[in-house]
């Protein structure tokens, strides 16, 4: 069984760069520890007041793993 997890966030625009750095340095290593993870994609859309980070985690669950 394959999966796609989409996570949407919102941070004040002035913290957008700092939050993106956090995602790369802390979140990616955590996501990579998930069995079956194949890809991680990040995107960010800056609005007038907020930054809207999004990440997509894609992978495959083996039949013997709990979902």
C-alpha atoms as a PDB file:
ATOM      1  CA  UNK A   1       0.000   0.000   0.000  1.00  0.00           C
ATOM      2  CA  UNK A   2       1.422   3.380  -0.934  1.00  0.00           C
ATOM      3  CA  UNK A   3       0.741   6.650   0.819  1.00  0.00           C
ATOM      4  CA  UNK A   4       0.977  10.381   0.310  1.00  0.00           C
ATOM      5  CA  UNK A   5       0.907  12.612   3.365  1.00  0.00           C
ATOM      6  CA  UNK A   6       0.401  16.313   2.797  1.00  0.00           C
ATOM      7  CA  UNK A   7       1.081  18.691   5.642  1.00  0.00           C
ATOM      8  CA  UNK A   8       0.135  22.368   5.470  1.00  0.00           C
ATOM      9  CA  UNK A   9       1.446  24.951   7.889  1.00  0.00           C
ATOM     10  CA  UNK A  10       1.260  28.667   8.517  1.00  0.00           C
ATOM     11  CA  UNK A  11       3.888  30.857  10.148  1.00  0.00           C
ATOM     12  CA  UNK A  12       4.351  34.622  10.242  1.00  0.00           C
ATOM     13  CA  UNK A  13       6.202  35.670   7.100  1.00  0.00           C
ATOM     14  CA  UNK A  14       9.138  37.058   9.078  1.00  0.00           C
ATOM     15  CA  UNK A  15       9.716  33.542  10.473  1.00  0.00           C
ATOM     16  CA  UNK A  16       9.416  31.782   7.099  1.00  0.00           C
ATOM     17  CA  UNK A  17      13.165  31.402   6.504  1.00  0.00           C
ATOM     18  CA  UNK A  18      13.790  30.207  10.050  1.00  0.00           C
ATOM     19  CA  UNK A  19      10.976  27.667   9.820  1.00  0.00           C
ATOM     20  CA  UNK A  20      12.216  26.405   6.451  1.00  0.00           C
ATOM     21  CA  UNK A  21      15.654  25.874   7.998  1.00  0.00           C
ATOM     22  CA  UNK A  22      14.028  23.922  10.843  1.00  0.00           C
ATOM     23  CA  UNK A  23      12.222  21.697   8.350  1.00  0.00           C
ATOM     24  CA  UNK A  24      15.441  20.880   6.505  1.00  0.00           C
ATOM     25  CA  UNK A  25      17.591  20.364   9.597  1.00  0.00           C
ATOM     26  CA  UNK A  26      15.153  18.640  11.957  1.00  0.00           C
ATOM     27  CA  UNK A  27      12.027  17.435  10.158  1.00  0.00           C
ATOM     28  CA  UNK A  28      13.682  15.773   7.156  1.00  0.00           C
ATOM     29  CA  UNK A  29      15.856  13.482   9.307  1.00  0.00           C
ATOM     30  CA  UNK A  30      12.754  12.506  11.314  1.00  0.00           C
ATOM     31  CA  UNK A  31      10.751  11.782   8.151  1.00  0.00           C
ATOM     32  CA  UNK A  32      13.620   9.729   6.720  1.00  0.00           C
ATOM     33  CA  UNK A  33      13.424   7.401   9.727  1.00  0.00           C
ATOM     34  CA  UNK A  34       9.946   6.249   8.606  1.00  0.00           C
ATOM     35  CA  UNK A  35      10.148   2.785   7.011  1.00  0.00           C
ATOM     36  CA  UNK A  36       9.112   2.849   3.360  1.00  0.00           C
ATOM     37  CA  UNK A  37       9.554   6.601   2.843  1.00  0.00           C
ATOM     38  CA  UNK A  38      10.590   7.212  -0.738  1.00  0.00           C
ATOM     39  CA  UNK A  39      10.392  10.972  -1.293  1.00  0.00           C
ATOM     40  CA  UNK A  40       9.902  14.257   0.528  1.00  0.00           C
ATOM     41  CA  UNK A  41       8.948  17.462  -1.278  1.00  0.00           C
ATOM     42  CA  UNK A  42       8.756  20.894   0.302  1.00  0.00           C
ATOM     43  CA  UNK A  43       7.194  24.021  -1.057  1.00  0.00           C
ATOM     44  CA  UNK A  44       6.511  27.433   0.416  1.00  0.00           C
ATOM     45  CA  UNK A  45       4.179  30.184  -0.618  1.00  0.00           C
ATOM     46  CA  UNK A  46       4.731  33.624   0.895  1.00  0.00           C
ATOM     47  CA  UNK A  47       1.676  35.805   1.309  1.00  0.00           C
ATOM     48  CA  UNK A  48       1.492  39.363   2.577  1.00  0.00           C
ATOM     49  CA  UNK A  49       1.474  38.367   6.260  1.00  0.00           C
ATOM     50  CA  UNK A  50       2.212  34.637   6.348  1.00  0.00           C
ATOM     51  CA  UNK A  51       4.417  31.948   4.877  1.00  0.00           C
ATOM     52  CA  UNK A  52       2.594  28.755   3.996  1.00  0.00           C
ATOM     53  CA  UNK A  53       4.964  25.780   4.040  1.00  0.00           C
ATOM     54  CA  UNK A  54       3.743  22.483   2.624  1.00  0.00           C
ATOM     55  CA  UNK A  55       5.443  19.131   2.561  1.00  0.00           C
ATOM     56  CA  UNK A  56       4.543  15.937   0.766  1.00  0.00           C
ATOM     57  CA  UNK A  57       5.782  12.608   2.116  1.00  0.00           C
ATOM     58  CA  UNK A  58       5.418   9.662  -0.227  1.00  0.00           C
ATOM     59  CA  UNK A  59       6.219   6.053   0.430  1.00  0.00           C
ATOM     60  CA  UNK A  60       5.095   2.469   0.614  1.00  0.00           C
ATOM     61  CA  UNK A  61       3.862   0.534   3.648  1.00  0.00           C
ATOM     62  CA  UNK A  62       4.813  -3.104   3.699  1.00  0.00           C
ATOM     63  CA  UNK A  63       1.930  -5.454   4.434  1.00  0.00           C
ATOM     64  CA  UNK A  64       3.438  -6.390   7.819  1.00  0.00           C
ATOM     65  CA  UNK A  65       3.619  -2.765   9.077  1.00  0.00           C
ATOM     66  CA  UNK A  66       0.921  -1.019  11.051  1.00  0.00           C
ATOM     67  CA  UNK A  67      -0.630   1.950   9.247  1.00  0.00           C
END
